[in-house]
Structure formats: C-alpha cells, structure tokens
Amino acid sequence: MILSWIDNLSTPAGVLFAILLFIIFLLVITLVLKIAIGFVDKAKNKNFGQVFITVLVCTVVVAISSIFGIIGLVIGVIIMFAIISVRHSTGFVTAIGIVVIAFIIYIILAFILGFFLGITISLFSL
C-alpha cells in the first residue's frame, strides 16, 4: 500500500520528518547553486549563507506562485531568475544560465549518489 506523504503530517513525528526533509532539500539545493554561481566570475554574494537565503526565498516564491497553476509556476520561475539576478549581481540571462548549470550539477549528483547507494531509476519504463 502506498501512502501519501500528507497522511504522515497528522502526527508530530511526521511533521518533524517533513521539516527535516525540507531543510535537507534546502541545503542540497544551496550547495548545488553555490557551485553553479562559482562558475560566474562577476557574481557577488557567493558565500553559503547568502546562497541559502536566495534558495529559501526562491523556494517560497515558486511554491506560493505554483498554487495558481502552470501560469503561476511560470511567473514564479521568472521571479526566481530575477531574484538570483539581483541578489548575486548577475544579468537575467546569466541567472538563467546559473539555474541550468545548477540543474545539470544536481542531475549528475543524483546519479552519482544513486550509484553509490544502489538506487536505480528507470527513465524509460511506462
């Protein structure tokens, strides 16, 4: 039987587990974005704390905007690019490039961790 993750939020342990997973998610995305921002020479605020704040704000913005469907999600992602652009003193197109680099790093990291942990992903199964 597959349970929804929402079912687990009815207990204090489930809430704490969800908060822990969210913090781990933020830390992993912060590390990946920090590495991606490191590729841009003119970017500012490259330290971990500044990137963590950027990730936290972007996560909240995209989560709230996604409530409004696909259009809201697209607007949220555009706002996310603007936030990265302003907080790290890059251009808008450079911010898009940073996110693309971060996504590629994240995928590579996921495959490496999956390999070492013995987790497999079937991308082409229906």
C-alpha atoms as a PDB file:
ATOM      1  CA  MET A   1       0.000   0.000   0.000  1.00  0.00           C
ATOM      2  CA  ILE A   2       1.351   3.418  -0.961  1.00  0.00           C
ATOM      3  CA  LEU A   3       0.544   6.198   1.493  1.00  0.00           C
ATOM      4  CA  SER A   4       0.511   9.839   0.608  1.00  0.00           C
ATOM      5  CA  TRP A   5       3.122  11.977   2.351  1.00  0.00           C
ATOM      6  CA  ILE A   6       0.268  14.200   3.542  1.00  0.00           C
ATOM      7  CA  ASP A   7      -1.052  11.310   5.679  1.00  0.00           C
ATOM      8  CA  ASN A   8       2.168  11.446   7.687  1.00  0.00           C
ATOM      9  CA  LEU A   9       1.606  15.093   8.659  1.00  0.00           C
ATOM     10  CA  SER A  10      -1.097  14.100  11.118  1.00  0.00           C
ATOM     11  CA  THR A  11       1.476  13.150  13.751  1.00  0.00           C
ATOM     12  CA  PRO A  12       4.181  15.309  15.378  1.00  0.00           C
ATOM     13  CA  ALA A  13       6.843  12.851  14.183  1.00  0.00           C
ATOM     14  CA  GLY A  14       5.542  13.195  10.625  1.00  0.00           C
ATOM     15  CA  VAL A  15       5.701  16.980  10.809  1.00  0.00           C
ATOM     16  CA  LEU A  16       9.254  16.871  12.169  1.00  0.00           C
ATOM     17  CA  PHE A  17      10.251  14.447   9.424  1.00  0.00           C
ATOM     18  CA  ALA A  18       8.763  16.753   6.765  1.00  0.00           C
ATOM     19  CA  ILE A  19      10.632  19.743   8.241  1.00  0.00           C
ATOM     20  CA  LEU A  20      13.864  17.732   8.298  1.00  0.00           C
ATOM     21  CA  LEU A  21      13.411  16.726   4.648  1.00  0.00           C
ATOM     22  CA  PHE A  22      12.721  20.358   3.710  1.00  0.00           C
ATOM     23  CA  ILE A  23      15.909  21.522   5.460  1.00  0.00           C
ATOM     24  CA  ILE A  24      17.941  18.790   3.745  1.00  0.00           C
ATOM     25  CA  PHE A  25      16.389  19.834   0.411  1.00  0.00           C
ATOM     26  CA  LEU A  26      17.354  23.473   1.048  1.00  0.00           C
ATOM     27  CA  LEU A  27      20.925  22.518   1.975  1.00  0.00           C
ATOM     28  CA  VAL A  28      21.408  20.319  -1.104  1.00  0.00           C
ATOM     29  CA  ILE A  29      19.984  22.943  -3.464  1.00  0.00           C
ATOM     30  CA  THR A  30      22.108  25.606  -1.748  1.00  0.00           C
ATOM     31  CA  LEU A  31      25.259  23.569  -2.315  1.00  0.00           C
ATOM     32  CA  VAL A  32      24.387  22.963  -5.954  1.00  0.00           C
ATOM     33  CA  LEU A  33      23.503  26.630  -6.588  1.00  0.00           C
ATOM     34  CA  LYS A  34      26.680  27.764  -4.807  1.00  0.00           C
ATOM     35  CA  ILE A  35      28.760  25.583  -7.125  1.00  0.00           C
ATOM     36  CA  ALA A  36      26.888  26.934 -10.171  1.00  0.00           C
ATOM     37  CA  ILE A  37      27.295  30.557  -9.048  1.00  0.00           C
ATOM     38  CA  GLY A  38      31.008  29.859  -8.591  1.00  0.00           C
ATOM     39  CA  PHE A  39      31.309  29.436 -12.370  1.00  0.00           C
ATOM     40  CA  VAL A  40      30.279  33.087 -12.869  1.00  0.00           C
ATOM     41  CA  ASP A  41      33.243  35.364 -12.226  1.00  0.00           C
ATOM     42  CA  LYS A  42      31.307  38.601 -11.808  1.00  0.00           C
ATOM     43  CA  ALA A  43      28.715  37.163  -9.421  1.00  0.00           C
ATOM     44  CA  LYS A  44      28.684  38.531  -5.883  1.00  0.00           C
ATOM     45  CA  ASN A  45      27.424  37.081  -2.585  1.00  0.00           C
ATOM     46  CA  LYS A  46      28.868  33.644  -3.297  1.00  0.00           C
ATOM     47  CA  ASN A  47      29.149  32.519   0.330  1.00  0.00           C
ATOM     48  CA  PHE A  48      26.967  29.705   1.622  1.00  0.00           C
ATOM     49  CA  GLY A  49      24.755  31.895   3.825  1.00  0.00           C
ATOM     50  CA  GLN A  50      23.873  34.312   1.034  1.00  0.00           C
ATOM     51  CA  VAL A  51      23.119  31.478  -1.374  1.00  0.00           C
ATOM     52  CA  PHE A  52      20.997  29.760   1.308  1.00  0.00           C
ATOM     53  CA  ILE A  53      18.884  32.918   1.669  1.00  0.00           C
ATOM     54  CA  THR A  54      18.484  33.052  -2.119  1.00  0.00           C
ATOM     55  CA  VAL A  55      17.367  29.400  -2.221  1.00  0.00           C
ATOM     56  CA  LEU A  56      14.938  29.902   0.663  1.00  0.00           C
ATOM     57  CA  VAL A  57      13.333  32.981  -0.920  1.00  0.00           C
ATOM     58  CA  CYS A  58      13.156  31.343  -4.354  1.00  0.00           C
ATOM     59  CA  THR A  59      11.607  28.187  -2.884  1.00  0.00           C
ATOM     60  CA  VAL A  60       8.910  30.176  -1.085  1.00  0.00           C
ATOM     61  CA  VAL A  61       8.170  32.310  -4.170  1.00  0.00           C
ATOM     62  CA  VAL A  62       7.888  29.329  -6.516  1.00  0.00           C
ATOM     63  CA  ALA A  63       5.817  27.337  -4.001  1.00  0.00           C
ATOM     64  CA  ILE A  64       3.338  30.175  -3.484  1.00  0.00           C
ATOM     65  CA  SER A  65       3.123  31.022  -7.185  1.00  0.00           C
ATOM     66  CA  SER A  66       2.555  27.377  -8.142  1.00  0.00           C
ATOM     67  CA  ILE A  67      -0.752  27.485  -6.281  1.00  0.00           C
ATOM     68  CA  PHE A  68      -2.079  29.409  -9.293  1.00  0.00           C
ATOM     69  CA  GLY A  69      -1.411  26.621 -11.782  1.00  0.00           C
ATOM     70  CA  ILE A  70       1.029  26.438 -14.642  1.00  0.00           C
ATOM     71  CA  ILE A  71       0.868  30.177 -15.379  1.00  0.00           C
ATOM     72  CA  GLY A  72       1.660  30.919 -11.753  1.00  0.00           C
ATOM     73  CA  LEU A  73       4.536  28.456 -11.855  1.00  0.00           C
ATOM     74  CA  VAL A  74       5.991  30.107 -14.964  1.00  0.00           C
ATOM     75  CA  ILE A  75       5.680  33.534 -13.338  1.00  0.00           C
ATOM     76  CA  GLY A  76       7.298  32.149 -10.176  1.00  0.00           C
ATOM     77  CA  VAL A  77      10.251  30.784 -12.146  1.00  0.00           C
ATOM     78  CA  ILE A  78      10.696  34.141 -13.891  1.00  0.00           C
ATOM     79  CA  ILE A  79      10.653  35.837 -10.480  1.00  0.00           C
ATOM     80  CA  MET A  80      13.197  33.260  -9.294  1.00  0.00           C
ATOM     81  CA  PHE A  81      15.533  34.245 -12.148  1.00  0.00           C
ATOM     82  CA  ALA A  82      15.076  37.898 -11.177  1.00  0.00           C
ATOM     83  CA  ILE A  83      15.839  37.152  -7.508  1.00  0.00           C
ATOM     84  CA  ILE A  84      19.049  35.327  -8.434  1.00  0.00           C
ATOM     85  CA  SER A  85      19.971  38.130 -10.804  1.00  0.00           C
ATOM     86  CA  VAL A  86      19.502  40.853  -8.181  1.00  0.00           C
ATOM     87  CA  ARG A  87      20.928  39.027  -5.154  1.00  0.00           C
ATOM     88  CA  HIS A  88      24.081  37.902  -6.933  1.00  0.00           C
ATOM     89  CA  SER A  89      24.603  40.891  -9.258  1.00  0.00           C
ATOM     90  CA  THR A  90      24.321  38.965 -12.493  1.00  0.00           C
ATOM     91  CA  GLY A  91      22.242  39.642 -15.558  1.00  0.00           C
ATOM     92  CA  PHE A  92      18.886  37.985 -16.108  1.00  0.00           C
ATOM     93  CA  VAL A  93      20.245  35.708 -18.838  1.00  0.00           C
ATOM     94  CA  THR A  94      23.217  34.826 -16.627  1.00  0.00           C
ATOM     95  CA  ALA A  95      20.770  33.878 -13.854  1.00  0.00           C
ATOM     96  CA  ILE A  96      19.034  31.525 -16.272  1.00  0.00           C
ATOM     97  CA  GLY A  97      22.433  30.042 -17.132  1.00  0.00           C
ATOM     98  CA  ILE A  98      23.225  29.607 -13.429  1.00  0.00           C
ATOM     99  CA  VAL A  99      19.975  27.694 -12.919  1.00  0.00           C
ATOM    100  CA  VAL A 100      20.677  25.486 -15.956  1.00  0.00           C
ATOM    101  CA  ILE A 101      24.191  24.730 -14.660  1.00  0.00           C
ATOM    102  CA  ALA A 102      22.767  24.034 -11.180  1.00  0.00           C
ATOM    103  CA  PHE A 103      20.188  21.660 -12.674  1.00  0.00           C
ATOM    104  CA  ILE A 104      22.892  19.753 -14.570  1.00  0.00           C
ATOM    105  CA  ILE A 105      25.042  19.531 -11.420  1.00  0.00           C
ATOM    106  CA  TYR A 106      22.006  18.311  -9.459  1.00  0.00           C
ATOM    107  CA  ILE A 107      21.265  15.558 -12.005  1.00  0.00           C
ATOM    108  CA  ILE A 108      24.915  14.431 -12.021  1.00  0.00           C
ATOM    109  CA  LEU A 109      24.988  14.439  -8.211  1.00  0.00           C
ATOM    110  CA  ALA A 110      21.740  12.438  -8.081  1.00  0.00           C
ATOM    111  CA  PHE A 111      23.126   9.790 -10.437  1.00  0.00           C
ATOM    112  CA  ILE A 112      26.407   9.556  -8.507  1.00  0.00           C
ATOM    113  CA  LEU A 113      24.618   9.227  -5.167  1.00  0.00           C
ATOM    114  CA  GLY A 114      22.180   6.753  -6.670  1.00  0.00           C
ATOM    115  CA  PHE A 115      25.043   4.660  -7.986  1.00  0.00           C
ATOM    116  CA  PHE A 116      26.852   4.551  -4.644  1.00  0.00           C
ATOM    117  CA  LEU A 117      23.663   3.946  -2.662  1.00  0.00           C
ATOM    118  CA  GLY A 118      22.417   1.284  -5.069  1.00  0.00           C
ATOM    119  CA  ILE A 119      19.331   3.238  -6.124  1.00  0.00           C
ATOM    120  CA  THR A 120      18.278   2.818  -9.732  1.00  0.00           C
ATOM    121  CA  ILE A 121      15.983   4.956 -11.831  1.00  0.00           C
ATOM    122  CA  SER A 122      14.131   3.601 -14.832  1.00  0.00           C
ATOM    123  CA  LEU A 123      13.683   6.642 -17.051  1.00  0.00           C
ATOM    124  CA  PHE A 124      12.091   4.834 -19.961  1.00  0.00           C
ATOM    125  CA  SER A 125       9.634   2.466 -18.301  1.00  0.00           C
ATOM    126  CA  LEU A 126       5.937   3.109 -18.573  1.00  0.00           C
END
